[in-house]
Amino acid sequence: MTRPTLIGYTAKREELVAAAKELFDMVLSGKVKVQPRQTYPLKEAAQAHRDLEARKTTGSTVLVP
């Protein structure tokens, strides 16, 4: 049994920084689209945490101002 880990691909800090730059460049160019599954207003941060803890969310959760 295994799970993917970042350290196997980016053993050195320079590799991590380069990989992060490449990813963010792709996001900014539109080649990779990031779509959160759910958003919560910042004033509902406590509810967002409760939902995360209760496993009521899937994928990315974003707090918005």
PDB file of N, CA and C in Angstrom:
ATOM      1  N   MET A   1       0.848  -1.156   0.000  1.00  0.00           N
ATOM      2  CA  MET A   1       0.000   0.000   0.000  1.00  0.00           C
ATOM      3  C   MET A   1       0.904   1.232   0.000  1.00  0.00           C
ATOM      4  N   THR A   2       0.605   2.154  -0.856  1.00  0.00           N
ATOM      5  CA  THR A   2       1.363   3.401  -0.912  1.00  0.00           C
ATOM      6  C   THR A   2       0.414   4.566  -1.096  1.00  0.00           C
ATOM      7  N   ARG A   3       0.960   5.737  -0.931  1.00  0.00           N
ATOM      8  CA  ARG A   3       0.201   6.941  -1.239  1.00  0.00           C
ATOM      9  C   ARG A   3       1.170   7.936  -1.856  1.00  0.00           C
ATOM     10  N   PRO A   4       0.674   8.804  -2.721  1.00  0.00           N
ATOM     11  CA  PRO A   4       1.590   9.760  -3.339  1.00  0.00           C
ATOM     12  C   PRO A   4       2.091  10.777  -2.313  1.00  0.00           C
ATOM     13  N   THR A   5       3.361  11.078  -2.394  1.00  0.00           N
ATOM     14  CA  THR A   5       3.934  12.104  -1.532  1.00  0.00           C
ATOM     15  C   THR A   5       4.782  13.033  -2.384  1.00  0.00           C
ATOM     16  N   LEU A   6       4.812  14.267  -2.001  1.00  0.00           N
ATOM     17  CA  LEU A   6       5.554  15.264  -2.753  1.00  0.00           C
ATOM     18  C   LEU A   6       7.057  15.076  -2.631  1.00  0.00           C
ATOM     19  N   ILE A   7       7.532  14.585  -1.498  1.00  0.00           N
ATOM     20  CA  ILE A   7       8.968  14.463  -1.262  1.00  0.00           C
ATOM     21  C   ILE A   7       9.651  13.535  -2.265  1.00  0.00           C
ATOM     22  N   GLY A   8       8.920  12.587  -2.806  1.00  0.00           N
ATOM     23  CA  GLY A   8       9.496  11.698  -3.807  1.00  0.00           C
ATOM     24  C   GLY A   8       9.837  12.403  -5.108  1.00  0.00           C
ATOM     25  N   TYR A   9       9.212  13.541  -5.347  1.00  0.00           N
ATOM     26  CA  TYR A   9       9.423  14.294  -6.579  1.00  0.00           C
ATOM     27  C   TYR A   9      10.238  15.568  -6.358  1.00  0.00           C
ATOM     28  N   THR A  10      10.243  16.059  -5.143  1.00  0.00           N
ATOM     29  CA  THR A  10      10.923  17.322  -4.840  1.00  0.00           C
ATOM     30  C   THR A  10      11.736  17.159  -3.562  1.00  0.00           C
ATOM     31  N   ALA A  11      12.852  16.481  -3.681  1.00  0.00           N
ATOM     32  CA  ALA A  11      13.672  16.204  -2.504  1.00  0.00           C
ATOM     33  C   ALA A  11      14.401  17.449  -2.005  1.00  0.00           C
ATOM     34  N   LYS A  12      14.665  18.387  -2.908  1.00  0.00           N
ATOM     35  CA  LYS A  12      15.375  19.604  -2.530  1.00  0.00           C
ATOM     36  C   LYS A  12      14.450  20.803  -2.642  1.00  0.00           C
ATOM     37  N   ARG A  13      14.696  21.806  -1.826  1.00  0.00           N
ATOM     38  CA  ARG A  13      13.850  23.004  -1.831  1.00  0.00           C
ATOM     39  C   ARG A  13      13.772  23.641  -3.212  1.00  0.00           C
ATOM     40  N   GLU A  14      14.902  23.681  -3.928  1.00  0.00           N
ATOM     41  CA  GLU A  14      14.915  24.284  -5.261  1.00  0.00           C
ATOM     42  C   GLU A  14      13.949  23.568  -6.203  1.00  0.00           C
ATOM     43  N   GLU A  15      13.864  22.238  -6.068  1.00  0.00           N
ATOM     44  CA  GLU A  15      12.940  21.462  -6.904  1.00  0.00           C
ATOM     45  C   GLU A  15      11.497  21.788  -6.548  1.00  0.00           C
ATOM     46  N   LEU A  16      11.222  21.945  -5.267  1.00  0.00           N
ATOM     47  CA  LEU A  16       9.874  22.298  -4.823  1.00  0.00           C
ATOM     48  C   LEU A  16       9.468  23.671  -5.347  1.00  0.00           C
ATOM     49  N   VAL A  17      10.362  24.638  -5.242  1.00  0.00           N
ATOM     50  CA  VAL A  17      10.076  25.997  -5.722  1.00  0.00           C
ATOM     51  C   VAL A  17       9.838  25.982  -7.231  1.00  0.00           C
ATOM     52  N   ALA A  18      10.661  25.256  -7.971  1.00  0.00           N
ATOM     53  CA  ALA A  18      10.497  25.185  -9.425  1.00  0.00           C
ATOM     54  C   ALA A  18       9.175  24.518  -9.798  1.00  0.00           C
ATOM     55  N   ALA A  19       8.824  23.435  -9.109  1.00  0.00           N
ATOM     56  CA  ALA A  19       7.565  22.739  -9.391  1.00  0.00           C
ATOM     57  C   ALA A  19       6.370  23.626  -9.055  1.00  0.00           C
ATOM     58  N   ALA A  20       6.442  24.347  -7.940  1.00  0.00           N
ATOM     59  CA  ALA A  20       5.348  25.249  -7.561  1.00  0.00           C
ATOM     60  C   ALA A  20       5.196  26.362  -8.591  1.00  0.00           C
ATOM     61  N   LYS A  21       6.308  26.928  -9.041  1.00  0.00           N
ATOM     62  CA  LYS A  21       6.253  27.988 -10.062  1.00  0.00           C
ATOM     63  C   LYS A  21       5.613  27.467 -11.336  1.00  0.00           C
ATOM     64  N   GLU A  22       6.018  26.270 -11.744  1.00  0.00           N
ATOM     65  CA  GLU A  22       5.457  25.679 -12.960  1.00  0.00           C
ATOM     66  C   GLU A  22       3.942  25.495 -12.827  1.00  0.00           C
ATOM     67  N   LEU A  23       3.500  24.990 -11.682  1.00  0.00           N
ATOM     68  CA  LEU A  23       2.073  24.790 -11.463  1.00  0.00           C
ATOM     69  C   LEU A  23       1.322  26.115 -11.478  1.00  0.00           C
ATOM     70  N   PHE A  24       1.813  27.102 -10.722  1.00  0.00           N
ATOM     71  CA  PHE A  24       1.106  28.386 -10.666  1.00  0.00           C
ATOM     72  C   PHE A  24       1.115  29.088 -12.017  1.00  0.00           C
ATOM     73  N   ASP A  25       2.175  28.937 -12.794  1.00  0.00           N
ATOM     74  CA  ASP A  25       2.195  29.494 -14.154  1.00  0.00           C
ATOM     75  C   ASP A  25       1.104  28.853 -15.005  1.00  0.00           C
ATOM     76  N   MET A  26       0.909  27.536 -14.857  1.00  0.00           N
ATOM     77  CA  MET A  26      -0.146  26.848 -15.612  1.00  0.00           C
ATOM     78  C   MET A  26      -1.527  27.318 -15.179  1.00  0.00           C
ATOM     79  N   VAL A  27      -1.716  27.510 -13.889  1.00  0.00           N
ATOM     80  CA  VAL A  27      -3.007  28.004 -13.393  1.00  0.00           C
ATOM     81  C   VAL A  27      -3.271  29.397 -13.948  1.00  0.00           C
ATOM     82  N   LEU A  28      -2.264  30.271 -13.874  1.00  0.00           N
ATOM     83  CA  LEU A  28      -2.432  31.640 -14.362  1.00  0.00           C
ATOM     84  C   LEU A  28      -2.694  31.693 -15.862  1.00  0.00           C
ATOM     85  N   SER A  29      -2.123  30.758 -16.613  1.00  0.00           N
ATOM     86  CA  SER A  29      -2.322  30.740 -18.068  1.00  0.00           C
ATOM     87  C   SER A  29      -3.662  30.122 -18.456  1.00  0.00           C
ATOM     88  N   GLY A  30      -4.327  29.449 -17.516  1.00  0.00           N
ATOM     89  CA  GLY A  30      -5.599  28.797 -17.812  1.00  0.00           C
ATOM     90  C   GLY A  30      -5.469  27.354 -18.262  1.00  0.00           C
ATOM     91  N   LYS A  31      -4.232  26.838 -18.366  1.00  0.00           N
ATOM     92  CA  LYS A  31      -4.037  25.437 -18.771  1.00  0.00           C
ATOM     93  C   LYS A  31      -4.552  24.475 -17.705  1.00  0.00           C
ATOM     94  N   VAL A  32      -4.466  24.892 -16.453  1.00  0.00           N
ATOM     95  CA  VAL A  32      -4.988  24.107 -15.333  1.00  0.00           C
ATOM     96  C   VAL A  32      -6.041  24.953 -14.646  1.00  0.00           C
ATOM     97  N   LYS A  33      -7.210  24.403 -14.464  1.00  0.00           N
ATOM     98  CA  LYS A  33      -8.295  25.141 -13.829  1.00  0.00           C
ATOM     99  C   LYS A  33      -8.529  24.593 -12.416  1.00  0.00           C
ATOM    100  N   VAL A  34      -8.633  25.493 -11.469  1.00  0.00           N
ATOM    101  CA  VAL A  34      -8.858  25.128 -10.079  1.00  0.00           C
ATOM    102  C   VAL A  34     -10.264  25.583  -9.712  1.00  0.00           C
ATOM    103  N   GLN A  35     -11.099  24.626  -9.374  1.00  0.00           N
ATOM    104  CA  GLN A  35     -12.477  24.948  -9.031  1.00  0.00           C
ATOM    105  C   GLN A  35     -12.805  24.348  -7.667  1.00  0.00           C
ATOM    106  N   PRO A  36     -12.895  25.192  -6.644  1.00  0.00           N
ATOM    107  CA  PRO A  36     -13.227  24.661  -5.318  1.00  0.00           C
ATOM    108  C   PRO A  36     -14.628  24.063  -5.321  1.00  0.00           C
ATOM    109  N   ARG A  37     -14.805  23.020  -4.528  1.00  0.00           N
ATOM    110  CA  ARG A  37     -16.106  22.355  -4.438  1.00  0.00           C
ATOM    111  C   ARG A  37     -17.114  23.167  -3.645  1.00  0.00           C
ATOM    112  N   GLN A  38     -16.614  23.865  -2.631  1.00  0.00           N
ATOM    113  CA  GLN A  38     -17.506  24.682  -1.822  1.00  0.00           C
ATOM    114  C   GLN A  38     -16.762  25.903  -1.308  1.00  0.00           C
ATOM    115  N   THR A  39     -17.518  26.986  -1.127  1.00  0.00           N
ATOM    116  CA  THR A  39     -16.953  28.204  -0.562  1.00  0.00           C
ATOM    117  C   THR A  39     -17.812  28.626   0.618  1.00  0.00           C
ATOM    118  N   TYR A  40     -17.177  29.295   1.557  1.00  0.00           N
ATOM    119  CA  TYR A  40     -17.865  29.827   2.728  1.00  0.00           C
ATOM    120  C   TYR A  40     -17.442  31.283   2.892  1.00  0.00           C
ATOM    121  N   PRO A  41     -18.381  32.152   3.243  1.00  0.00           N
ATOM    122  CA  PRO A  41     -17.967  33.506   3.605  1.00  0.00           C
ATOM    123  C   PRO A  41     -17.056  33.432   4.828  1.00  0.00           C
ATOM    124  N   LEU A  42     -16.091  34.339   4.908  1.00  0.00           N
ATOM    125  CA  LEU A  42     -15.145  34.333   6.013  1.00  0.00           C
ATOM    126  C   LEU A  42     -15.870  34.365   7.363  1.00  0.00           C
ATOM    127  N   LYS A  43     -16.991  35.060   7.412  1.00  0.00           N
ATOM    128  CA  LYS A  43     -17.736  35.137   8.675  1.00  0.00           C
ATOM    129  C   LYS A  43     -18.306  33.776   9.088  1.00  0.00           C
ATOM    130  N   GLU A  44     -18.322  32.805   8.162  1.00  0.00           N
ATOM    131  CA  GLU A  44     -18.805  31.452   8.473  1.00  0.00           C
ATOM    132  C   GLU A  44     -17.649  30.457   8.600  1.00  0.00           C
ATOM    133  N   ALA A  45     -16.465  30.953   8.956  1.00  0.00           N
ATOM    134  CA  ALA A  45     -15.291  30.088   9.076  1.00  0.00           C
ATOM    135  C   ALA A  45     -15.520  28.966  10.091  1.00  0.00           C
ATOM    136  N   ALA A  46     -16.184  29.280  11.187  1.00  0.00           N
ATOM    137  CA  ALA A  46     -16.439  28.250  12.203  1.00  0.00           C
ATOM    138  C   ALA A  46     -17.285  27.121  11.623  1.00  0.00           C
ATOM    139  N   GLN A  47     -18.298  27.462  10.818  1.00  0.00           N
ATOM    140  CA  GLN A  47     -19.134  26.431  10.198  1.00  0.00           C
ATOM    141  C   GLN A  47     -18.329  25.626   9.188  1.00  0.00           C
ATOM    142  N   ALA A  48     -17.463  26.295   8.450  1.00  0.00           N
ATOM    143  CA  ALA A  48     -16.611  25.587   7.494  1.00  0.00           C
ATOM    144  C   ALA A  48     -15.749  24.552   8.218  1.00  0.00           C
ATOM    145  N   HIS A  49     -15.187  24.941   9.350  1.00  0.00           N
ATOM    146  CA  HIS A  49     -14.369  24.003  10.129  1.00  0.00           C
ATOM    147  C   HIS A  49     -15.211  22.848  10.653  1.00  0.00           C
ATOM    148  N   ARG A  50     -16.409  23.139  11.112  1.00  0.00           N
ATOM    149  CA  ARG A  50     -17.290  22.052  11.585  1.00  0.00           C
ATOM    150  C   ARG A  50     -17.603  21.085  10.446  1.00  0.00           C
ATOM    151  N   ASP A  51     -17.904  21.634   9.264  1.00  0.00           N
ATOM    152  CA  ASP A  51     -18.215  20.780   8.119  1.00  0.00           C
ATOM    153  C   ASP A  51     -17.010  19.942   7.696  1.00  0.00           C
ATOM    154  N   LEU A  52     -15.823  20.539   7.722  1.00  0.00           N
ATOM    155  CA  LEU A  52     -14.609  19.777   7.413  1.00  0.00           C
ATOM    156  C   LEU A  52     -14.410  18.648   8.419  1.00  0.00           C
ATOM    157  N   GLU A  53     -14.543  18.973   9.695  1.00  0.00           N
ATOM    158  CA  GLU A  53     -14.351  17.965  10.747  1.00  0.00           C
ATOM    159  C   GLU A  53     -15.385  16.854  10.659  1.00  0.00           C
ATOM    160  N   ALA A  54     -16.608  17.211  10.239  1.00  0.00           N
ATOM    161  CA  ALA A  54     -17.689  16.228  10.137  1.00  0.00           C
ATOM    162  C   ALA A  54     -17.667  15.486   8.800  1.00  0.00           C
ATOM    163  N   ARG A  55     -16.664  15.771   7.980  1.00  0.00           N
ATOM    164  CA  ARG A  55     -16.517  15.128   6.668  1.00  0.00           C
ATOM    165  C   ARG A  55     -17.714  15.393   5.759  1.00  0.00           C
ATOM    166  N   LYS A  56     -18.238  16.599   5.847  1.00  0.00           N
ATOM    167  CA  LYS A  56     -19.368  16.993   5.003  1.00  0.00           C
ATOM    168  C   LYS A  56     -18.904  17.664   3.713  1.00  0.00           C
ATOM    169  N   THR A  57     -17.612  17.778   3.518  1.00  0.00           N
ATOM    170  CA  THR A  57     -17.071  18.444   2.338  1.00  0.00           C
ATOM    171  C   THR A  57     -16.261  17.460   1.505  1.00  0.00           C
ATOM    172  N   THR A  58     -16.086  17.802   0.251  1.00  0.00           N
ATOM    173  CA  THR A  58     -15.208  17.041  -0.631  1.00  0.00           C
ATOM    174  C   THR A  58     -14.366  18.021  -1.426  1.00  0.00           C
ATOM    175  N   GLY A  59     -13.179  17.633  -1.800  1.00  0.00           N
ATOM    176  CA  GLY A  59     -12.325  18.509  -2.585  1.00  0.00           C
ATOM    177  C   GLY A  59     -11.896  19.734  -1.815  1.00  0.00           C
ATOM    178  N   SER A  60     -11.638  20.803  -2.544  1.00  0.00           N
ATOM    179  CA  SER A  60     -11.138  22.037  -1.944  1.00  0.00           C
ATOM    180  C   SER A  60     -12.271  22.851  -1.334  1.00  0.00           C
ATOM    181  N   THR A  61     -11.985  23.453  -0.208  1.00  0.00           N
ATOM    182  CA  THR A  61     -12.900  24.366   0.468  1.00  0.00           C
ATOM    183  C   THR A  61     -12.188  25.706   0.592  1.00  0.00           C
ATOM    184  N   VAL A  62     -12.884  26.782   0.230  1.00  0.00           N
ATOM    185  CA  VAL A  62     -12.270  28.098   0.240  1.00  0.00           C
ATOM    186  C   VAL A  62     -13.114  29.060   1.079  1.00  0.00           C
ATOM    187  N   LEU A  63     -12.429  29.824   1.933  1.00  0.00           N
ATOM    188  CA  LEU A  63     -13.066  30.913   2.671  1.00  0.00           C
ATOM    189  C   LEU A  63     -12.895  32.186   1.838  1.00  0.00           C
ATOM    190  N   VAL A  64     -13.976  32.921   1.626  1.00  0.00           N
ATOM    191  CA  VAL A  64     -13.913  34.152   0.822  1.00  0.00           C
ATOM    192  C   VAL A  64     -14.305  35.352   1.684  1.00  0.00           C
ATOM    193  N   PRO A  65     -13.601  36.486   1.463  1.00  0.00           N
ATOM    194  CA  PRO A  65     -13.921  37.674   2.262  1.00  0.00           C
ATOM    195  C   PRO A  65     -15.293  38.232   1.938  1.00  0.00           C
TER     196      PRO A  65
END
